[in-house]
């Protein structure tokens, strides 16, 4: 039984299925495991107070002696953002290209972890061996430089993982995607294709990044005042084009936002950004330059409340404030779920007197993900025996599966996976067999995983219906030693709702007296009785369900301090 088990390859998504973000997949053969990517996701609306969401790596922790390392396809947050948290538990090497590792190193430095993590640099075209896995890093194109796909040769066959990609024949930096090598791998035979599904709902081809440069040129040519451009910090190709247009029209460039400053410094140091020596200026010099000689590049293209652009729009940024005739370009499309944040910032900018150009008004953004015709080309080149759509919400995975059927694949050879499900493959067969622990770990401030469903539920109640605290002081005989006190926060204003508060006191007194006679000194049961009676009363009276916290203070004797 054990020997047969070792003849199977297990592909286990730990994140990135039925969602955008926190991409991570484990590949297991016998006593050997490798992991691909380790990203974060941004919290959903109901995750009140949560900063980040990362994958649950419990399965890898339990099998740490098998884990050879983590391979990273590129340097976007949804592929590297969880590494500082995960590497505290999984002390294994991380493999990636030069820029990817430099961005990871920046993140590790923020967590004071640079000395404890081994980063191993690879180049596109290079092959490494980790246990039974022979991994080739294949040159790709995406919205960040140094992106790679992975050709993972295993004892049962080849797995080709596209990573995030688009087929850009005129990239800003470096060479285009290595289609000839991909075709060679396809001709040799690929057992399983795992392909990016983000743009599968969009027909045609994704435009080249160079088209955005043409739009920037046109916009910069006619601008009379300052130009403020918001983009993803990691989109170095976009930053290069902004700088190119600024230089062309005689403008200096100031960088705003901690992550943007870090990325620009790193990319410049490694040669991925180039510009004349006097192009970049310190943000403190902004007010000294004429408006028509300045470009400000900032973070905040997703309207994040604490980002530089959001603070500029709300007049809370220390160094930059919107002035009349500013032109703001938001060079990104909203990630699903972020639309309201983005449009709130846009509205604020317009109110301050700025003109705003965004994705729906001009070609100031192109996607880094392949559309339908590019996905079809990838399938035709790889010619996989089995197919697993990755990197997308369920509708995207489903649509990608249908696209593969349209190209001639049998539906039974296509696997729509969930995080934690296990796909077992031999050289001739594949099936979903079992599952491992997987899910989301919530990061709240310095706490990792200490906020769960119960805490989120309480936060939701507090945010929607507020809080009532009921304090009752009891003497040794079990009778009230003082009147019941009621405090309200976020439910009703006490002075304007004196009648309701008096009724709350009455309900609490009655529930307490009734409970003491039945339950004696069981304070937990008494508190629950008060809570239940008040819940029913307040819902009937207000159609709201505030959080109710009963506090029983027991006075032992006249000389004792009260005890809760």
Protein backbone atom coordinates (compact mmCIF):
# COMPACT_ATOMS: atom_id res chain seq x y z
CA UNK A 1 0.00 0.00 0.00
CA UNK A 2 2.81 2.38 0.97
CA UNK A 3 4.74 1.69 -2.25
CA UNK A 4 1.66 2.35 -4.39
CA UNK A 5 1.09 5.61 -2.53
CA UNK A 6 4.61 6.78 -3.37
CA UNK A 7 3.87 6.33 -7.07
CA UNK A 8 1.35 9.16 -6.88
CA UNK A 9 1.92 12.88 -7.12
CA UNK A 10 -0.25 15.00 -4.84
CA UNK A 11 -1.11 18.55 -5.88
CA UNK A 12 -2.61 20.43 -2.94
CA UNK A 13 -3.82 24.04 -3.30
CA UNK A 14 -3.52 25.81 0.08
CA UNK A 15 -4.76 29.14 -1.28
CA UNK A 16 -5.81 30.89 -4.48
CA UNK A 17 -8.78 28.65 -5.35
CA UNK A 18 -12.22 30.27 -5.54
CA UNK A 19 -10.60 33.56 -4.54
CA UNK A 20 -8.22 36.27 -5.73
CA UNK A 21 -5.13 36.25 -3.56
CA UNK A 22 -3.15 34.19 -1.02
CA UNK A 23 -1.85 31.90 -3.75
CA UNK A 24 0.00 28.82 -2.52
CA UNK A 25 0.21 25.22 -3.77
CA UNK A 26 2.04 22.19 -2.38
CA UNK A 27 3.41 19.37 -4.54
CA UNK A 28 4.06 16.11 -2.72
CA UNK A 29 5.68 12.89 -3.91
CA UNK A 30 6.54 10.23 -1.36
CA UNK A 31 8.55 11.87 1.43
CA UNK A 32 9.15 15.09 -0.54
CA UNK A 33 7.22 18.37 -0.76
CA UNK A 34 7.80 21.67 -2.54
CA UNK A 35 5.54 24.72 -2.30
CA UNK A 36 4.85 27.31 -5.01
CA UNK A 37 4.16 30.93 -3.99
CA UNK A 38 3.06 32.22 -0.59
CA UNK A 39 0.75 35.20 -0.99
CA UNK A 40 -1.70 37.25 0.98
CA UNK A 41 -5.23 38.47 0.31
CA UNK A 42 -6.91 41.67 1.41
CA UNK A 43 -9.74 41.36 3.95
CA UNK A 44 -13.36 41.21 2.87
CA UNK A 45 -15.89 43.78 4.09
CA UNK A 46 -17.12 41.62 6.95
CA UNK A 47 -13.58 41.11 8.30
CA UNK A 48 -13.75 44.17 10.50
CA UNK A 49 -10.37 45.45 11.70
CA UNK A 50 -8.42 42.74 9.86
CA UNK A 51 -5.30 43.90 8.02
CA UNK A 52 -4.31 40.88 5.94
CA UNK A 53 -5.36 37.31 5.19
CA UNK A 54 -2.74 34.58 4.71
CA UNK A 55 -2.95 30.84 3.94
CA UNK A 56 -3.18 28.21 6.64
CA UNK A 57 0.07 26.22 6.36
CA UNK A 58 -0.69 23.71 9.13
CA UNK A 59 -0.25 20.81 6.68
CA UNK A 60 3.26 21.99 5.76
CA UNK A 61 4.13 22.54 9.44
CA UNK A 62 3.15 18.96 10.22
CA UNK A 63 5.30 17.73 7.32
CA UNK A 64 8.18 20.19 7.69
CA UNK A 65 10.79 17.43 7.46
CA UNK A 66 9.57 16.71 3.91
CA UNK A 67 9.53 20.35 2.71
CA UNK A 68 12.49 21.26 0.46
CA UNK A 69 11.59 24.92 -0.12
CA UNK A 70 9.21 27.54 -1.48
CA UNK A 71 9.41 28.53 -5.17
CA UNK A 72 8.11 32.00 -6.05
CA UNK A 73 6.87 32.89 -9.54
CA UNK A 74 6.98 36.72 -9.18
CA UNK A 75 7.01 39.58 -6.70
CA UNK A 76 3.36 40.58 -6.30
CA UNK A 77 1.79 40.68 -2.84
CA UNK A 78 -0.67 37.88 -3.63
CA UNK A 79 2.33 35.63 -4.25
CA UNK A 80 4.96 36.81 -1.72
CA UNK A 81 3.04 38.82 0.91
CA UNK A 82 2.56 35.98 3.42
CA UNK A 83 6.22 34.92 3.46
CA UNK A 84 7.25 36.94 6.56
CA UNK A 85 4.48 35.25 8.56
CA UNK A 86 4.82 31.76 7.10
CA UNK A 87 8.62 31.63 7.29
CA UNK A 88 8.45 32.10 11.05
CA UNK A 89 6.93 28.60 11.07
CA UNK A 90 8.58 27.08 8.00
CA UNK A 91 12.35 27.64 8.07
CA UNK A 92 13.05 26.56 4.49
CA UNK A 93 14.89 28.15 1.54
CA UNK A 94 13.01 30.47 -0.83
CA UNK A 95 13.80 30.32 -4.56
CA UNK A 96 13.09 33.20 -6.92
CA UNK A 97 14.50 35.52 -9.56
CA UNK A 98 16.61 38.57 -8.69
CA UNK A 99 13.88 41.22 -8.45
CA UNK A 100 11.47 38.84 -6.73
CA UNK A 101 14.00 38.01 -4.02
CA UNK A 102 14.89 41.70 -3.58
CA UNK A 103 11.24 42.52 -2.91
CA UNK A 104 10.98 39.57 -0.52
CA UNK A 105 14.11 40.77 1.27
CA UNK A 106 12.49 44.20 1.78
CA UNK A 107 9.51 42.52 3.41
CA UNK A 108 11.68 40.31 5.60
CA UNK A 109 13.68 43.35 6.74
CA UNK A 110 10.47 44.94 8.06
CA UNK A 111 10.02 41.85 10.23
CA UNK A 112 13.71 41.70 11.22
CA UNK A 113 14.07 38.30 9.52
CA UNK A 114 16.74 38.82 6.86
CA UNK A 115 19.37 36.85 8.78
CA UNK A 116 17.16 33.85 9.48
CA UNK A 117 15.85 33.14 5.95
CA UNK A 118 17.86 31.63 3.11
CA UNK A 119 17.08 33.25 -0.25
CA UNK A 120 18.39 31.37 -3.30
CA UNK A 121 18.51 33.26 -6.60
CA UNK A 122 17.61 31.60 -9.89
CA UNK A 123 17.37 32.87 -13.46
CA UNK A 124 14.84 32.26 -16.22
CA UNK A 125 16.04 29.21 -18.14
CA UNK A 126 17.73 27.67 -15.09
CA UNK A 127 16.83 24.22 -13.73
CA UNK A 128 17.19 23.08 -10.11
CA UNK A 129 16.69 19.70 -8.44
CA UNK A 130 14.82 19.40 -5.13
CA UNK A 131 14.41 15.74 -4.16
CA UNK A 132 12.56 14.01 -6.99
CA UNK A 133 11.39 17.36 -8.42
CA UNK A 134 13.32 18.88 -11.31
CA UNK A 135 12.10 22.47 -11.71
CA UNK A 136 12.77 24.67 -14.74
CA UNK A 137 12.11 28.41 -14.46
CA UNK A 138 10.59 29.50 -17.79
CA UNK A 139 10.69 33.17 -18.82
CA UNK A 140 7.24 34.79 -18.72
CA UNK A 141 5.69 38.26 -19.03
CA UNK A 142 3.39 39.87 -16.46
CA UNK A 143 2.91 43.34 -14.96
CA UNK A 144 6.14 42.98 -12.99
CA UNK A 145 9.62 42.17 -14.24
CA UNK A 146 11.39 38.86 -13.62
CA UNK A 147 8.20 36.77 -13.74
CA UNK A 148 8.54 33.06 -14.46
CA UNK A 149 6.42 30.00 -15.12
CA UNK A 150 7.45 26.66 -13.61
CA UNK A 151 7.96 23.39 -15.44
CA UNK A 152 8.01 20.82 -12.63
CA UNK A 153 9.29 17.44 -13.78
CA UNK A 154 8.12 14.70 -11.38
CA UNK A 155 8.47 10.90 -11.40
CA UNK A 156 4.91 10.60 -12.79
CA UNK A 157 5.18 13.35 -15.42
CA UNK A 158 5.53 17.07 -16.07
CA UNK A 159 3.42 19.75 -14.34
CA UNK A 160 3.42 23.16 -16.00
CA UNK A 161 2.42 26.06 -13.71
CA UNK A 162 1.98 29.28 -15.72
CA UNK A 163 2.07 31.62 -12.72
CA UNK A 164 0.44 34.96 -13.54
CA UNK A 165 1.08 35.74 -17.19
CA UNK A 166 0.08 37.48 -20.37
CA UNK A 167 1.61 37.14 -23.83
CA UNK A 168 3.25 40.55 -24.33
CA UNK A 169 5.43 40.61 -27.45
CA UNK A 170 6.74 44.12 -26.68
CA UNK A 171 7.49 44.16 -22.95
CA UNK A 172 8.95 47.27 -21.34
CA UNK A 173 11.95 45.42 -19.92
CA UNK A 174 13.63 42.20 -20.94
CA UNK A 175 12.55 39.60 -23.46
CA UNK A 176 9.03 38.38 -24.22
CA UNK A 177 7.54 35.19 -22.83
CA UNK A 178 9.49 32.13 -24.00
CA UNK A 179 6.83 30.57 -26.20
CA UNK A 180 9.34 28.40 -28.05
CA UNK A 181 10.44 26.71 -24.81
CA UNK A 182 6.82 26.31 -23.74
CA UNK A 183 6.08 24.64 -27.08
CA UNK A 184 9.07 22.30 -26.61
CA UNK A 185 7.79 21.26 -23.19
CA UNK A 186 4.35 20.66 -24.68
CA UNK A 187 5.82 18.45 -27.39
CA UNK A 188 7.68 16.39 -24.77
CA UNK A 189 4.39 15.81 -22.95
CA UNK A 190 2.77 17.61 -20.03
CA UNK A 191 0.73 15.64 -17.51
CA UNK A 192 -0.96 18.60 -15.79
CA UNK A 193 -1.43 22.25 -16.75
CA UNK A 194 -2.16 24.77 -14.00
CA UNK A 195 -3.09 28.07 -15.62
CA UNK A 196 -3.98 31.63 -14.53
CA UNK A 197 -7.77 32.20 -14.75
CA UNK A 198 -8.04 35.90 -13.77
CA UNK A 199 -9.06 37.27 -17.18
CA UNK A 200 -10.77 34.19 -18.61
CA UNK A 201 -14.08 36.06 -18.80
CA UNK A 202 -12.59 38.64 -21.19
CA UNK A 203 -12.40 37.88 -24.92
CA UNK A 204 -9.45 38.72 -27.14
CA UNK A 205 -5.90 39.61 -26.16
CA UNK A 206 -4.56 41.75 -23.32
CA UNK A 207 -2.92 44.92 -24.68
CA UNK A 208 0.82 45.39 -24.39
CA UNK A 209 2.10 47.49 -21.49
CA UNK A 210 3.55 49.88 -24.08
CA UNK A 211 0.07 51.16 -24.96
CA UNK A 212 -0.11 52.76 -21.50
CA UNK A 213 3.11 54.65 -22.27
CA UNK A 214 1.46 56.17 -25.35
CA UNK A 215 -1.49 57.30 -23.21
CA UNK A 216 0.86 58.84 -20.63
CA UNK A 217 2.63 60.76 -23.40
CA UNK A 218 -0.66 62.18 -24.68
CA UNK A 219 -1.83 63.14 -21.18
CA UNK A 220 1.49 64.65 -20.09
CA UNK A 221 1.72 66.68 -23.31
CA UNK A 222 -1.48 68.61 -22.53
CA UNK A 223 -1.17 68.92 -18.75
CA UNK A 224 -0.75 72.48 -17.40
CA UNK A 225 -0.36 71.79 -13.67
CA UNK A 226 1.04 69.05 -11.45
CA UNK A 227 0.52 65.42 -12.43
CA UNK A 228 -0.10 62.87 -9.68
CA UNK A 229 -0.06 59.22 -10.77
CA UNK A 230 -1.23 56.38 -8.50
CA UNK A 231 -0.19 52.83 -9.35
CA UNK A 232 0.73 49.53 -7.72
CA UNK A 233 4.16 49.89 -6.14
CA UNK A 234 5.28 46.58 -7.65
CA UNK A 235 4.36 47.56 -11.23
CA UNK A 236 7.87 48.63 -12.17
CA UNK A 237 7.08 48.68 -15.89
CA UNK A 238 4.34 51.24 -15.22
CA UNK A 239 6.65 53.36 -13.04
CA UNK A 240 9.29 53.29 -15.80
CA UNK A 241 6.79 54.61 -18.32
CA UNK A 242 5.64 57.36 -15.97
CA UNK A 243 9.27 58.43 -15.52
CA UNK A 244 9.89 58.23 -19.28
CA UNK A 245 7.00 60.62 -19.99
CA UNK A 246 8.09 62.93 -17.18
CA UNK A 247 11.62 63.16 -18.61
CA UNK A 248 10.25 63.68 -22.13
CA UNK A 249 8.21 66.71 -21.03
CA UNK A 250 10.75 68.23 -18.66
CA UNK A 251 9.25 67.23 -15.32
CA UNK A 252 10.90 66.06 -12.11
CA UNK A 253 9.51 63.02 -10.28
CA UNK A 254 8.79 62.72 -6.54
CA UNK A 255 7.94 59.35 -5.01
CA UNK A 256 5.31 59.11 -2.22
CA UNK A 257 4.33 56.09 -0.11
CA UNK A 258 6.66 53.80 1.83
CA UNK A 259 6.17 50.73 -0.37
CA UNK A 260 6.59 52.81 -3.55
CA UNK A 261 9.83 54.35 -2.25
CA UNK A 262 11.20 50.92 -1.28
CA UNK A 263 10.37 49.35 -4.64
CA UNK A 264 11.79 52.25 -6.67
CA UNK A 265 15.03 52.18 -4.67
CA UNK A 266 15.34 48.41 -5.06
CA UNK A 267 14.49 48.35 -8.78
CA UNK A 268 16.90 51.22 -9.48
CA UNK A 269 19.70 49.51 -7.58
CA UNK A 270 19.20 46.29 -9.58
CA UNK A 271 18.89 48.08 -12.92
CA UNK A 272 15.20 47.39 -13.54
CA UNK A 273 14.49 51.17 -13.53
CA UNK A 274 16.62 53.66 -15.44
CA UNK A 275 16.47 57.46 -15.73
CA UNK A 276 18.76 60.52 -15.79
CA UNK A 277 20.49 61.23 -12.48
CA UNK A 278 18.59 64.45 -11.69
CA UNK A 279 15.10 63.06 -12.44
CA UNK A 280 14.01 61.96 -8.95
CA UNK A 281 13.63 64.60 -6.25
CA UNK A 282 12.83 64.42 -2.55
CA UNK A 283 9.18 64.97 -1.64
CA UNK A 284 10.22 67.96 0.50
CA UNK A 285 11.17 69.85 -2.68
CA UNK A 286 7.69 69.58 -4.18
CA UNK A 287 6.52 73.03 -3.10
CA UNK A 288 9.63 74.72 -4.52
CA UNK A 289 9.04 73.61 -8.11
CA UNK A 290 6.59 75.18 -10.59
CA UNK A 291 3.49 73.00 -10.98
CA UNK A 292 4.14 72.33 -14.67
CA UNK A 293 7.55 70.81 -13.86
CA UNK A 294 6.43 68.15 -11.40
CA UNK A 295 5.12 64.57 -11.36
CA UNK A 296 4.25 62.79 -8.11
CA UNK A 297 4.12 58.98 -8.20
CA UNK A 298 2.17 57.50 -5.29
CA UNK A 299 0.58 54.39 -3.85
CA UNK A 300 -3.17 54.15 -3.31
CA UNK A 301 -4.55 53.07 -6.69
CA UNK A 302 -7.01 50.79 -4.84
CA UNK A 303 -8.31 53.55 -2.55
CA UNK A 304 -6.83 51.91 0.56
CA UNK A 305 -7.87 54.18 3.47
CA UNK A 306 -4.32 54.63 4.84
CA UNK A 307 -2.55 54.86 1.47
CA UNK A 308 -0.78 58.02 0.34
CA UNK A 309 -3.38 58.92 -2.31
CA UNK A 310 -6.31 58.49 0.10
CA UNK A 311 -4.57 60.76 2.63
CA UNK A 312 -3.80 63.31 -0.10
CA UNK A 313 -7.48 63.26 -1.16
CA UNK A 314 -8.66 63.77 2.44
CA UNK A 315 -6.07 66.53 3.16
CA UNK A 316 -4.37 64.47 5.88
CA UNK A 317 -1.05 63.89 4.10
CA UNK A 318 1.86 65.77 5.71
CA UNK A 319 3.74 66.62 2.51
CA UNK A 320 1.25 66.79 -0.37
CA UNK A 321 -2.09 68.59 -0.70
CA UNK A 322 -4.33 68.85 -3.74
CA UNK A 323 -4.32 72.26 -5.42
CA UNK A 324 -6.46 73.67 -8.22
CA UNK A 325 -5.63 72.27 -11.69
CA UNK A 326 -3.85 69.15 -10.37
CA UNK A 327 -4.26 66.21 -12.75
CA UNK A 328 -4.56 62.84 -10.97
CA UNK A 329 -4.16 59.61 -12.96
CA UNK A 330 -5.26 56.37 -11.29
CA UNK A 331 -3.29 53.84 -13.30
CA UNK A 332 -5.01 50.65 -12.16
CA UNK A 333 -8.42 49.06 -12.32
CA UNK A 334 -10.20 48.35 -9.03
CA UNK A 335 -9.71 44.88 -7.60
CA UNK A 336 -13.21 43.33 -7.12
CA UNK A 337 -14.50 44.57 -3.77
CA UNK A 338 -12.39 47.74 -3.78
CA UNK A 339 -14.61 49.76 -6.13
CA UNK A 340 -16.28 51.82 -3.40
CA UNK A 341 -12.92 52.79 -1.87
CA UNK A 342 -11.54 53.85 -5.27
CA UNK A 343 -14.58 55.93 -6.21
CA UNK A 344 -14.68 57.54 -2.77
CA UNK A 345 -11.11 58.78 -3.34
CA UNK A 346 -11.99 59.92 -6.87
CA UNK A 347 -14.94 61.92 -5.53
CA UNK A 348 -12.76 63.53 -2.86
CA UNK A 349 -10.16 64.50 -5.46
CA UNK A 350 -12.78 66.14 -7.66
CA UNK A 351 -14.15 68.05 -4.65
CA UNK A 352 -10.64 69.41 -3.97
CA UNK A 353 -10.48 70.84 -7.50
CA UNK A 354 -8.38 68.18 -9.22
CA UNK A 355 -9.13 66.60 -12.57
CA UNK A 356 -9.04 62.80 -12.42
CA UNK A 357 -8.35 60.27 -15.17
CA UNK A 358 -9.07 56.64 -14.38
CA UNK A 359 -9.47 53.30 -16.09
CA UNK A 360 -12.97 53.85 -17.50
CA UNK A 361 -11.98 57.20 -19.09
CA UNK A 362 -8.66 56.40 -20.78
CA UNK A 363 -6.18 53.58 -21.41
CA UNK A 364 -4.15 54.39 -18.27
CA UNK A 365 -4.05 50.74 -17.24
CA UNK A 366 -3.69 47.37 -18.91
CA UNK A 367 -3.99 44.06 -17.14
CA UNK A 368 -1.08 41.75 -16.47
CA UNK A 369 -3.25 38.68 -17.03
CA UNK A 370 -3.98 36.73 -20.19
CA UNK A 371 -7.39 36.99 -21.87
CA UNK A 372 -9.19 34.19 -23.66
CA UNK A 373 -7.14 34.01 -26.86
CA UNK A 374 -3.84 33.95 -24.93
CA UNK A 375 -5.19 31.24 -22.62
CA UNK A 376 -6.19 29.21 -25.68
CA UNK A 377 -2.69 29.59 -27.11
CA UNK A 378 -1.17 28.36 -23.84
CA UNK A 379 -3.44 25.29 -23.93
CA UNK A 380 -2.54 24.58 -27.58
CA UNK A 381 1.19 24.82 -26.87
CA UNK A 382 1.15 22.72 -23.68
CA UNK A 383 -1.39 20.07 -24.83
CA UNK A 384 -1.89 18.76 -21.26
CA UNK A 385 -3.32 15.36 -20.31
CA UNK A 386 -5.10 16.95 -17.32
CA UNK A 387 -5.98 20.55 -16.48
CA UNK A 388 -6.43 22.50 -13.23
CA UNK A 389 -7.53 26.15 -13.55
CA UNK A 390 -5.95 28.28 -10.80
CA UNK A 391 -5.87 31.89 -9.57
CA UNK A 392 -9.51 32.92 -9.69
CA UNK A 393 -12.94 32.97 -8.14
CA UNK A 394 -15.17 29.96 -8.78
CA UNK A 395 -16.90 31.47 -11.82
CA UNK A 396 -13.48 32.10 -13.39
CA UNK A 397 -12.28 28.55 -12.73
CA UNK A 398 -15.55 27.22 -14.19
CA UNK A 399 -15.24 29.42 -17.27
CA UNK A 400 -11.64 28.33 -17.78
CA UNK A 401 -12.72 24.70 -17.58
CA UNK A 402 -15.34 25.32 -20.28
CA UNK A 403 -12.71 27.03 -22.43
CA UNK A 404 -10.56 23.89 -22.19
CA UNK A 405 -13.55 21.72 -23.17
CA UNK A 406 -14.03 23.98 -26.19
CA UNK A 407 -10.44 23.18 -27.17
CA UNK A 408 -11.15 19.45 -27.14
CA UNK A 409 -10.37 18.38 -23.57
CA UNK A 410 -12.61 15.83 -21.90
CA UNK A 411 -14.54 17.35 -19.00
CA UNK A 412 -13.55 14.47 -16.70
CA UNK A 413 -9.87 15.46 -17.16
CA UNK A 414 -10.50 18.97 -15.82
CA UNK A 415 -10.39 19.52 -12.06
CA UNK A 416 -12.00 22.51 -10.37
CA UNK A 417 -10.28 22.44 -7.02
CA UNK A 418 -10.91 23.94 -3.61
CA UNK A 419 -8.28 24.97 -1.09
CA UNK A 420 -7.25 21.88 0.84
CA UNK A 421 -8.48 19.33 -1.72
CA UNK A 422 -5.89 16.79 -2.88
CA UNK A 423 -5.45 15.92 -6.56
CA UNK A 424 -3.64 12.59 -6.94
CA UNK A 425 -1.92 11.84 -10.24
CA UNK A 426 -0.18 8.85 -11.74
CA UNK A 427 1.28 8.86 -15.24
CA UNK A 428 -2.11 7.84 -16.62
CA UNK A 429 -4.81 8.90 -14.16
CA UNK A 430 -5.92 11.75 -11.91
CA UNK A 431 -8.55 12.00 -9.21
CA UNK A 432 -9.49 14.15 -6.24
CA UNK A 433 -8.80 12.06 -3.14
CA UNK A 434 -9.26 13.56 0.31
CA UNK A 435 -8.32 16.89 1.75
CA UNK A 436 -5.92 18.54 4.19
CA UNK A 437 -6.36 21.43 6.59
CA UNK A 438 -6.49 24.71 4.67
CA UNK A 439 -8.18 28.05 4.99
CA UNK A 440 -7.53 31.61 6.05
CA UNK A 441 -5.39 32.97 8.87
CA UNK A 442 -6.32 36.54 9.83
CA UNK A 443 -3.63 39.11 10.63
CA UNK A 444 -4.77 41.92 12.93
CA UNK A 445 -1.97 44.29 13.92
CA UNK A 446 0.69 42.15 15.56
CA UNK A 447 -1.71 39.25 16.08
CA UNK A 448 -1.55 36.36 13.61
CA UNK A 449 -4.39 33.87 13.85
CA UNK A 450 -5.70 35.12 17.21
CA UNK A 451 -8.82 36.62 15.64
CA UNK A 452 -11.37 34.00 14.65
CA UNK A 453 -15.02 33.76 13.66
CA UNK A 454 -16.30 34.54 17.16
CA UNK A 455 -14.29 37.76 17.40
CA UNK A 456 -15.38 38.82 13.90
CA UNK A 457 -19.00 38.10 14.80
CA UNK A 458 -18.71 40.27 17.93
CA UNK A 459 -17.10 43.07 15.93
CA UNK A 460 -19.93 42.88 13.41
CA UNK A 461 -22.57 43.13 16.16
CA UNK A 462 -20.76 46.05 17.77
CA UNK A 463 -20.44 47.87 14.45
CA UNK A 464 -24.10 47.38 13.55
CA UNK A 465 -26.08 47.51 16.81
CA UNK A 466 -23.71 48.72 19.54
CA UNK A 467 -23.28 47.65 23.15
CA UNK A 468 -25.23 47.71 26.41
CA UNK A 469 -23.57 47.03 29.77
CA UNK A 470 -25.83 46.16 32.72
CA UNK A 471 -24.26 46.31 36.21
CA UNK A 472 -26.07 44.77 39.20
CA UNK A 473 -24.70 44.87 42.77
CA UNK A 474 -25.79 41.92 44.95
CA UNK A 475 -25.53 41.47 48.73
CA UNK A 476 -24.81 38.10 50.44
CA UNK A 477 -28.55 37.34 50.57
CA UNK A 478 -28.85 37.59 46.79
CA UNK A 479 -30.84 40.82 46.77
CA UNK A 480 -29.95 44.06 45.01
CA UNK A 481 -27.68 46.27 47.14
CA UNK A 482 -28.03 49.21 44.73
CA UNK A 483 -30.05 50.16 41.71
CA UNK A 484 -29.15 48.51 38.39
CA UNK A 485 -26.86 50.68 36.24
CA UNK A 486 -27.05 50.70 32.43
CA UNK A 487 -24.40 52.03 30.03
CA UNK A 488 -24.86 52.24 26.27
CA UNK A 489 -22.29 52.67 23.49
CA UNK A 490 -23.31 52.78 19.86
CA UNK A 491 -26.89 51.68 20.63
CA UNK A 492 -28.85 54.66 21.95
CA UNK A 493 -27.89 57.97 23.51
CA UNK A 494 -28.87 57.49 27.17
CA UNK A 495 -30.07 61.04 27.87
CA UNK A 496 -32.42 60.98 24.87
CA UNK A 497 -33.71 57.47 25.63
CA UNK A 498 -34.37 57.64 29.37
CA UNK A 499 -37.69 55.80 29.04
CA UNK A 500 -36.08 52.87 27.20
CA UNK A 501 -33.18 52.71 29.68
CA UNK A 502 -35.61 52.60 32.63
CA UNK A 503 -37.40 49.70 30.96
CA UNK A 504 -34.05 47.94 30.50
CA UNK A 505 -33.34 48.38 34.22
CA UNK A 506 -36.76 46.95 35.10
CA UNK A 507 -36.30 43.90 32.81
CA UNK A 508 -32.82 43.31 34.27
CA UNK A 509 -34.06 43.57 37.88
CA UNK A 510 -36.91 41.16 37.23
CA UNK A 511 -34.66 38.67 35.44
CA UNK A 512 -32.11 38.84 38.25
CA UNK A 513 -34.64 38.31 41.05
CA UNK A 514 -36.28 35.44 39.20
CA UNK A 515 -32.92 33.81 38.41
CA UNK A 516 -31.52 34.14 41.95
CA UNK A 517 -34.59 32.39 43.37
CA UNK A 518 -34.16 29.51 40.88
CA UNK A 519 -30.41 29.24 40.40
CA UNK A 520 -29.00 30.54 43.69
CA UNK A 521 -25.41 31.77 43.33
CA UNK A 522 -24.80 30.46 39.82
CA UNK A 523 -23.74 33.84 38.44
CA UNK A 524 -23.10 32.52 34.92
CA UNK A 525 -26.69 31.26 34.66
CA UNK A 526 -28.00 34.55 36.11
CA UNK A 527 -26.04 36.57 33.52
CA UNK A 528 -27.40 34.42 30.69
CA UNK A 529 -30.97 34.91 31.98
CA UNK A 530 -30.53 38.71 32.04
CA UNK A 531 -29.00 38.62 28.56
CA UNK A 532 -31.82 36.46 27.12
CA UNK A 533 -34.62 38.60 28.58
CA UNK A 534 -33.02 41.84 27.43
CA UNK A 535 -32.32 40.44 23.95
CA UNK A 536 -35.99 39.60 23.45
CA UNK A 537 -37.19 42.93 24.90
CA UNK A 538 -34.78 45.15 22.91
CA UNK A 539 -35.48 43.38 19.63
CA UNK A 540 -39.24 43.81 20.10
CA UNK A 541 -38.75 47.44 21.08
CA UNK A 542 -36.06 48.56 18.59
CA UNK A 543 -35.62 45.75 15.99
CA UNK A 544 -31.92 45.77 16.95
CA UNK A 545 -29.71 43.26 18.70
CA UNK A 546 -26.94 45.09 20.58
CA UNK A 547 -24.23 43.15 22.37
CA UNK A 548 -25.37 42.80 26.01
CA UNK A 549 -22.78 42.40 28.77
CA UNK A 550 -24.26 41.76 32.27
CA UNK A 551 -21.85 42.36 35.17
CA UNK A 552 -22.66 41.01 38.66
CA UNK A 553 -20.86 42.71 41.54
CA UNK A 554 -21.11 40.70 44.79
CA UNK A 555 -20.70 42.64 48.05
CA UNK A 556 -19.63 40.20 50.80
CA UNK A 557 -19.98 42.60 53.74
CA UNK A 558 -19.86 46.30 54.47
CA UNK A 559 -16.07 46.16 54.97
CA UNK A 560 -15.26 44.19 51.83
CA UNK A 561 -14.45 45.47 48.37
CA UNK A 562 -16.93 44.46 45.64
CA UNK A 563 -15.96 41.34 43.66
CA UNK A 564 -16.97 40.74 40.06
